C-alpha atoms as a PDB file:
ATOM      1  CA  MET A   1       0.000   0.000   0.000  1.00  0.00           C
ATOM      2  CA  GLY A   2       1.406   3.414  -0.975  1.00  0.00           C
ATOM      3  CA  MET A   3       2.104   5.982   1.721  1.00  0.00           C
ATOM      4  CA  ALA A   4      -0.506   8.419   0.361  1.00  0.00           C
ATOM      5  CA  ARG A   5      -3.221   5.753   0.351  1.00  0.00           C
ATOM      6  CA  GLU A   6      -2.242   4.626   3.845  1.00  0.00           C
ATOM      7  CA  LEU A   7      -2.601   8.193   5.153  1.00  0.00           C
ATOM      8  CA  ARG A   8      -5.977   8.605   3.441  1.00  0.00           C
ATOM      9  CA  GLN A   9      -7.247   5.395   5.009  1.00  0.00           C
ATOM     10  CA  ARG A  10      -5.890   6.430   8.385  1.00  0.00           C
ATOM     11  CA  ILE A  11      -7.866   9.682   8.248  1.00  0.00           C
ATOM     12  CA  ALA A  12     -11.010   7.865   7.078  1.00  0.00           C
ATOM     13  CA  ARG A  13     -10.700   5.237   9.811  1.00  0.00           C
ATOM     14  CA  ARG A  14     -10.533   7.965  12.468  1.00  0.00           C
ATOM     15  CA  ALA A  15     -13.514   9.749  10.949  1.00  0.00           C
ATOM     16  CA  ALA A  16     -15.553   6.548  11.148  1.00  0.00           C
ATOM     17  CA  GLN A  17     -15.277   6.796  14.952  1.00  0.00           C
ATOM     18  CA  GLU A  18     -17.490   9.901  14.776  1.00  0.00           C
ATOM     19  CA  ILE A  19     -20.387   7.880  13.341  1.00  0.00           C
ATOM     20  CA  THR A  20     -22.804   5.914  15.495  1.00  0.00           C
ATOM     21  CA  ARG A  21     -25.499   3.345  14.831  1.00  0.00           C
ATOM     22  CA  GLY A  22     -28.493   4.403  12.775  1.00  0.00           C
ATOM     23  CA  MET A  23     -27.099   7.727  11.537  1.00  0.00           C
ATOM     24  CA  VAL A  24     -27.881   9.240   8.142  1.00  0.00           C
ATOM     25  CA  VAL A  25     -24.549  10.381   6.704  1.00  0.00           C
ATOM     26  CA  ASN A  26     -23.367  12.069   3.515  1.00  0.00           C
ATOM     27  CA  LEU A  27     -19.831  11.452   2.260  1.00  0.00           C
ATOM     28  CA  GLY A  28     -18.105  13.974   0.017  1.00  0.00           C
ATOM     29  CA  ILE A  29     -15.671  13.259  -2.794  1.00  0.00           C
ATOM     30  CA  GLY A  30     -12.099  12.214  -1.967  1.00  0.00           C
ATOM     31  CA  ILE A  31     -11.004  10.877   1.416  1.00  0.00           C
ATOM     32  CA  PRO A  32     -14.585  10.951   2.808  1.00  0.00           C
ATOM     33  CA  THR A  33     -15.689   8.207   0.387  1.00  0.00           C
ATOM     34  CA  LEU A  34     -13.367   5.778   2.209  1.00  0.00           C
ATOM     35  CA  VAL A  35     -15.215   6.194   5.518  1.00  0.00           C
ATOM     36  CA  ALA A  36     -17.927   3.710   4.520  1.00  0.00           C
ATOM     37  CA  ASP A  37     -15.311   0.940   4.402  1.00  0.00           C
ATOM     38  CA  PHE A  38     -14.780   1.271   8.173  1.00  0.00           C
ATOM     39  CA  ILE A  39     -18.401   1.147   9.343  1.00  0.00           C
ATOM     40  CA  PRO A  40     -19.639  -2.236  10.712  1.00  0.00           C
ATOM     41  CA  ALA A  41     -22.391  -3.657   8.511  1.00  0.00           C
ATOM     42  CA  ASP A  42     -24.703  -4.270  11.481  1.00  0.00           C
ATOM     43  CA  TRP A  43     -24.737  -0.577  12.478  1.00  0.00           C
ATOM     44  CA  ARG A  44     -27.413   0.194   9.852  1.00  0.00           C
ATOM     45  CA  VAL A  45     -25.824   3.520   8.968  1.00  0.00           C
ATOM     46  CA  MET A  46     -27.576   4.948   5.905  1.00  0.00           C
ATOM     47  CA  PHE A  47     -25.201   6.783   3.590  1.00  0.00           C
ATOM     48  CA  HIS A  48     -26.838   9.500   1.509  1.00  0.00           C
ATOM     49  CA  ALA A  49     -25.691  10.593  -1.951  1.00  0.00           C
ATOM     50  CA  GLU A  50     -26.980  13.811  -3.476  1.00  0.00           C
ATOM     51  CA  HIS A  51     -27.624  12.267  -6.897  1.00  0.00           C
ATOM     52  CA  GLY A  52     -30.389  10.171  -5.337  1.00  0.00           C
ATOM     53  CA  VAL A  53     -29.436   7.187  -3.156  1.00  0.00           C
ATOM     54  CA  LEU A  54     -29.974   6.538   0.535  1.00  0.00           C
ATOM     55  CA  GLY A  55     -28.217   3.425   1.783  1.00  0.00           C
ATOM     56  CA  THR A  56     -24.951   3.157  -0.121  1.00  0.00           C
ATOM     57  CA  GLY A  57     -22.467   0.671   1.313  1.00  0.00           C
ATOM     58  CA  PRO A  58     -18.733  -0.040   1.124  1.00  0.00           C
ATOM     59  CA  SER A  59     -16.757  -0.102  -2.108  1.00  0.00           C
ATOM     60  CA  PRO A  60     -17.375  -3.310  -4.086  1.00  0.00           C
ATOM     61  CA  LEU A  61     -14.714  -5.936  -4.549  1.00  0.00           C
ATOM     62  CA  LYS A  62     -12.743  -5.662  -7.761  1.00  0.00           C
ATOM     63  CA  GLY A  63     -14.712  -7.286 -10.559  1.00  0.00           C
ATOM     64  CA  GLU A  64     -18.028  -7.019  -8.718  1.00  0.00           C
ATOM     65  CA  GLU A  65     -18.809  -3.394  -9.594  1.00  0.00           C
ATOM     66  CA  ASP A  66     -22.287  -2.514 -10.869  1.00  0.00           C
ATOM     67  CA  GLU A  67     -21.940   0.007 -13.706  1.00  0.00           C
ATOM     68  CA  HIS A  68     -25.315   1.498 -12.783  1.00  0.00           C
ATOM     69  CA  LEU A  69     -24.473   2.063  -9.118  1.00  0.00           C
ATOM     70  CA  CYS A  70     -22.088   4.808  -8.024  1.00  0.00           C
ATOM     71  CA  ASN A  71     -21.672   7.559  -5.463  1.00  0.00           C
ATOM     72  CA  ALA A  72     -21.963  11.287  -6.194  1.00  0.00           C
ATOM     73  CA  GLY A  73     -18.337  11.310  -7.348  1.00  0.00           C
ATOM     74  CA  GLY A  74     -18.964   8.567  -9.913  1.00  0.00           C
ATOM     75  CA  LEU A  75     -17.074   5.850  -8.009  1.00  0.00           C
ATOM     76  CA  PRO A  76     -18.642   2.373  -7.732  1.00  0.00           C
ATOM     77  CA  VAL A  77     -20.442   1.541  -4.479  1.00  0.00           C
ATOM     78  CA  THR A  78     -22.669  -1.143  -3.032  1.00  0.00           C
ATOM     79  CA  VAL A  79     -26.034  -0.758  -1.298  1.00  0.00           C
ATOM     80  CA  VAL A  80     -27.267  -2.090   2.028  1.00  0.00           C
ATOM     81  CA  PRO A  81     -30.645  -3.700   2.799  1.00  0.00           C
ATOM     82  CA  GLY A  82     -33.332  -1.014   2.884  1.00  0.00           C
ATOM     83  CA  ALA A  83     -31.618   1.265   0.383  1.00  0.00           C
ATOM     84  CA  SER A  84     -33.829   3.580  -1.662  1.00  0.00           C
ATOM     85  CA  TYR A  85     -33.493   5.593  -4.864  1.00  0.00           C
ATOM     86  CA  PHE A  86     -34.976   8.978  -5.789  1.00  0.00           C
ATOM     87  CA  ASP A  87     -34.279  12.054  -7.898  1.00  0.00           C
ATOM     88  CA  SER A  88     -31.853  14.824  -6.956  1.00  0.00           C
ATOM     89  CA  THR A  89     -34.724  17.099  -5.907  1.00  0.00           C
ATOM     90  CA  MET A  90     -35.605  14.674  -3.116  1.00  0.00           C
ATOM     91  CA  ALA A  91     -31.913  14.204  -2.283  1.00  0.00           C
ATOM     92  CA  PHE A  92     -31.421  17.931  -1.769  1.00  0.00           C
ATOM     93  CA  GLY A  93     -34.712  18.153   0.088  1.00  0.00           C
ATOM     94  CA  ILE A  94     -33.278  15.720   2.639  1.00  0.00           C
ATOM     95  CA  ILE A  95     -30.222  17.947   3.039  1.00  0.00           C
ATOM     96  CA  ARG A  96     -32.100  21.255   3.262  1.00  0.00           C
ATOM     97  CA  LYS A  97     -34.673  19.841   5.666  1.00  0.00           C
ATOM     98  CA  GLY A  98     -31.860  19.138   8.143  1.00  0.00           C
ATOM     99  CA  LEU A  99     -32.300  15.366   8.080  1.00  0.00           C
ATOM    100  CA  LEU A 100     -28.609  14.521   7.702  1.00  0.00           C
ATOM    101  CA  ASP A 101     -26.924  13.699  10.991  1.00  0.00           C
ATOM    102  CA  VAL A 102     -23.435  14.212   9.587  1.00  0.00           C
ATOM    103  CA  THR A 103     -21.746  15.267   6.387  1.00  0.00           C
ATOM    104  CA  ILE A 104     -18.068  14.459   5.890  1.00  0.00           C
ATOM    105  CA  LEU A 105     -16.345  16.684   3.347  1.00  0.00           C
ATOM    106  CA  GLY A 106     -12.914  17.350   1.927  1.00  0.00           C
ATOM    107  CA  ALA A 107     -11.428  20.844   2.019  1.00  0.00           C
ATOM    108  CA  LEU A 108      -8.854  23.159   0.526  1.00  0.00           C
ATOM    109  CA  GLU A 109      -8.904  25.478   3.554  1.00  0.00           C
ATOM    110  CA  VAL A 110     -10.693  25.768   6.900  1.00  0.00           C
ATOM    111  CA  SER A 111     -10.475  28.947   8.968  1.00  0.00           C
ATOM    112  CA  GLU A 112     -10.257  29.296  12.727  1.00  0.00           C
ATOM    113  CA  LYS A 113     -13.955  30.262  12.714  1.00  0.00           C
ATOM    114  CA  GLY A 114     -14.980  27.148  10.827  1.00  0.00           C
ATOM    115  CA  ASP A 115     -15.328  28.791   7.417  1.00  0.00           C
ATOM    116  CA  LEU A 116     -15.007  26.224   4.628  1.00  0.00           C
ATOM    117  CA  ALA A 117     -13.360  26.609   1.221  1.00  0.00           C
ATOM    118  CA  ASN A 118     -13.524  23.364  -0.708  1.00  0.00           C
ATOM    119  CA  TRP A 119     -14.696  23.869  -4.244  1.00  0.00           C
ATOM    120  CA  ILE A 120     -12.344  25.975  -6.375  1.00  0.00           C
ATOM    121  CA  VAL A 121      -8.832  27.310  -6.783  1.00  0.00           C
ATOM    122  CA  PRO A 122      -9.168  30.452  -8.940  1.00  0.00           C
ATOM    123  CA  GLY A 123      -7.871  29.893 -12.455  1.00  0.00           C
ATOM    124  CA  LYS A 124      -8.402  26.136 -12.406  1.00  0.00           C
ATOM    125  CA  LEU A 125     -11.229  24.447 -14.267  1.00  0.00           C
ATOM    126  CA  VAL A 126     -13.674  22.642 -11.955  1.00  0.00           C
ATOM    127  CA  PRO A 127     -17.100  21.066 -12.606  1.00  0.00           C
ATOM    128  CA  GLY A 128     -18.767  23.281  -9.972  1.00  0.00           C
ATOM    129  CA  MET A 129     -19.636  23.405  -6.300  1.00  0.00           C
ATOM    130  CA  GLY A 130     -21.963  20.408  -6.447  1.00  0.00           C
ATOM    131  CA  GLY A 131     -23.851  19.834  -3.199  1.00  0.00           C
ATOM    132  CA  ALA A 132     -21.125  21.151  -0.904  1.00  0.00           C
ATOM    133  CA  MET A 133     -22.829  24.475  -0.112  1.00  0.00           C
ATOM    134  CA  ASP A 134     -26.098  22.777   0.835  1.00  0.00           C
ATOM    135  CA  LEU A 135     -24.355  20.054   2.809  1.00  0.00           C
ATOM    136  CA  ALA A 136     -22.182  22.493   4.751  1.00  0.00           C
ATOM    137  CA  GLN A 137     -25.217  24.503   5.821  1.00  0.00           C
ATOM    138  CA  GLY A 138     -27.857  21.792   6.096  1.00  0.00           C
ATOM    139  CA  ALA A 139     -26.239  18.901   7.977  1.00  0.00           C
ATOM    140  CA  LYS A 140     -26.475  18.755  11.756  1.00  0.00           C
ATOM    141  CA  ARG A 141     -22.696  18.212  11.973  1.00  0.00           C
ATOM    142  CA  VAL A 142     -19.934  18.968   9.473  1.00  0.00           C
ATOM    143  CA  ILE A 143     -16.650  17.045   9.616  1.00  0.00           C
ATOM    144  CA  VAL A 144     -13.746  17.916   7.322  1.00  0.00           C
ATOM    145  CA  LEU A 145     -11.112  15.384   6.256  1.00  0.00           C
ATOM    146  CA  MET A 146      -7.975  16.685   4.566  1.00  0.00           C
ATOM    147  CA  SER A 147      -4.194  16.739   4.565  1.00  0.00           C
ATOM    148  CA  HIS A 148      -2.793  19.143   7.152  1.00  0.00           C
ATOM    149  CA  VAL A 149      -0.691  21.096   4.640  1.00  0.00           C
ATOM    150  CA  ASN A 150      -0.969  21.626   0.898  1.00  0.00           C
ATOM    151  CA  LYS A 151       1.502  20.521  -1.771  1.00  0.00           C
ATOM    152  CA  LYS A 152       3.537  23.666  -1.141  1.00  0.00           C
ATOM    153  CA  GLY A 153       3.845  22.804   2.553  1.00  0.00           C
ATOM    154  CA  LYS A 154       1.501  25.578   3.675  1.00  0.00           C
ATOM    155  CA  SER A 155      -1.126  25.019   6.358  1.00  0.00           C
ATOM    156  CA  LYS A 156      -4.667  24.337   5.192  1.00  0.00           C
ATOM    157  CA  ILE A 157      -5.973  25.317   8.629  1.00  0.00           C
ATOM    158  CA  VAL A 158      -5.758  29.093   8.467  1.00  0.00           C
ATOM    159  CA  LYS A 159      -6.719  32.262  10.301  1.00  0.00           C
ATOM    160  CA  THR A 160      -8.752  33.475   7.326  1.00  0.00           C
ATOM    161  CA  CYS A 161      -9.554  31.575   4.128  1.00  0.00           C
ATOM    162  CA  THR A 162      -8.009  33.084   0.998  1.00  0.00           C
ATOM    163  CA  LEU A 163      -9.926  30.833  -1.410  1.00  0.00           C
ATOM    164  CA  PRO A 164     -13.606  31.359  -2.339  1.00  0.00           C
ATOM    165  CA  LEU A 165     -15.839  30.132   0.475  1.00  0.00           C
ATOM    166  CA  THR A 166     -18.315  27.295   0.322  1.00  0.00           C
ATOM    167  CA  ALA A 167     -20.004  28.353   3.589  1.00  0.00           C
ATOM    168  CA  ARG A 168     -19.201  30.349   6.717  1.00  0.00           C
ATOM    169  CA  ASN A 169     -18.995  29.070  10.294  1.00  0.00           C
ATOM    170  CA  CYS A 170     -20.071  25.562   9.315  1.00  0.00           C
ATOM    171  CA  VAL A 171     -17.239  23.165  10.248  1.00  0.00           C
ATOM    172  CA  ASP A 172     -17.467  21.324  13.581  1.00  0.00           C
ATOM    173  CA  LEU A 173     -14.462  19.003  13.415  1.00  0.00           C
ATOM    174  CA  ILE A 174     -11.262  18.757  11.352  1.00  0.00           C
ATOM    175  CA  ILE A 175      -9.393  15.461  10.957  1.00  0.00           C
ATOM    176  CA  THR A 176      -5.999  15.325   9.254  1.00  0.00           C
ATOM    177  CA  GLU A 177      -3.129  12.854   9.199  1.00  0.00           C
ATOM    178  CA  MET A 178      -1.614  14.883  12.050  1.00  0.00           C
ATOM    179  CA  ALA A 179      -4.461  15.808  14.357  1.00  0.00           C
ATOM    180  CA  VAL A 180      -8.105  16.015  15.337  1.00  0.00           C
ATOM    181  CA  ILE A 181      -9.182  19.622  15.881  1.00  0.00           C
ATOM    182  CA  GLU A 182     -12.549  20.824  17.159  1.00  0.00           C
ATOM    183  CA  VAL A 183     -13.992  24.165  16.058  1.00  0.00           C
ATOM    184  CA  THR A 184     -15.465  26.020  19.042  1.00  0.00           C
ATOM    185  CA  VAL A 185     -16.684  29.541  19.792  1.00  0.00           C
ATOM    186  CA  ASP A 186     -13.394  30.094  21.633  1.00  0.00           C
ATOM    187  CA  GLY A 187     -11.244  28.932  18.722  1.00  0.00           C
ATOM    188  CA  LEU A 188      -9.669  25.736  17.422  1.00  0.00           C
ATOM    189  CA  VAL A 189      -9.122  23.100  20.105  1.00  0.00           C
ATOM    190  CA  LEU A 190      -6.484  20.426  19.533  1.00  0.00           C
ATOM    191  CA  GLN A 191      -8.150  17.243  20.792  1.00  0.00           C
ATOM    192  CA  GLU A 192      -5.866  14.511  19.450  1.00  0.00           C
ATOM    193  CA  VAL A 193      -2.370  14.207  18.007  1.00  0.00           C
ATOM    194  CA  MET A 194      -1.784  11.331  15.595  1.00  0.00           C
ATOM    195  CA  GLU A 195       1.324   9.176  15.750  1.00  0.00           C
ATOM    196  CA  PRO A 196       4.161   9.822  15.037  1.00  0.00           C
ATOM    197  CA  TYR A 197       3.586  13.573  15.379  1.00  0.00           C
ATOM    198  CA  SER A 198       4.028  15.751  18.452  1.00  0.00           C
ATOM    199  CA  VAL A 199       2.024  18.697  19.753  1.00  0.00           C
ATOM    200  CA  ASP A 200       4.842  21.026  18.740  1.00  0.00           C
ATOM    201  CA  GLU A 201       4.823  19.686  15.176  1.00  0.00           C
ATOM    202  CA  VAL A 202       1.060  20.135  14.870  1.00  0.00           C
ATOM    203  CA  VAL A 203       1.234  23.691  16.213  1.00  0.00           C
ATOM    204  CA  ARG A 204       4.117  24.522  13.881  1.00  0.00           C
ATOM    205  CA  CYS A 205       2.224  23.194  10.837  1.00  0.00           C
ATOM    206  CA  THR A 206      -1.002  25.043  11.683  1.00  0.00           C
ATOM    207  CA  GLU A 207      -1.343  28.697  10.710  1.00  0.00           C
ATOM    208  CA  ALA A 208      -4.359  29.324  12.938  1.00  0.00           C
ATOM    209  CA  PRO A 209      -3.758  29.423  16.706  1.00  0.00           C
ATOM    210  CA  LEU A 210      -4.615  26.240  18.606  1.00  0.00           C
ATOM    211  CA  ILE A 211      -5.979  25.767  22.100  1.00  0.00           C
ATOM    212  CA  ILE A 212      -4.492  22.605  23.629  1.00  0.00           C
ATOM    213  CA  SER A 213      -7.259  20.495  25.177  1.00  0.00           C
ATOM    214  CA  GLY A 214      -6.882  19.512  28.812  1.00  0.00           C
ATOM    215  CA  LYS A 215      -7.940  16.018  27.698  1.00  0.00           C
ATOM    216  CA  LEU A 216      -5.500  15.808  24.787  1.00  0.00           C
ATOM    217  CA  LYS A 217      -5.116  12.324  23.299  1.00  0.00           C
ATOM    218  CA  GLY A 218      -1.982  11.022  21.681  1.00  0.00           C
END
């Protein structure tokens, strides 16, 4: 397994710990799609996809993909017993009605206030925002999964987002390969440090100021 894939799975595995039995959860494109692979089948978690599925399951085994069944990012998925299908109007109605317990999204930047930028880098061609704006504002809880720094080595957890925003004050929890950080009214609280990193390394790699939790794990 490549190092990049191992880190992605590590982040997804930690994010799965934030999901409990019976939840309705939406998974964004990228690392979030891997979260379904770490949820026990008997938990009856119903994964929602904005193109019109409720009840997607883990990724299928190689060779067992159904060409008619995919997630919102176009990747093959399975379905669990009780799954249902509907049009995108109904899918977005579920989001806007506040019926999603959790949405797990990727990000380009998150600010110390929980502002989210995750859909465009100016000058680069992208297909559009998709459902991210609705998900960020409509879900009961928003969890962001991303690498701690970008390809240039700059922090993606910033004082103020410089990229176009998806939504303001929406992120509740940030999970990276280095740390788990909670967004609170008092600021960003460092709750966990992932091995093999130290508190000092996390602080040094984070542009926004961090409050060290009194119950810090790791």
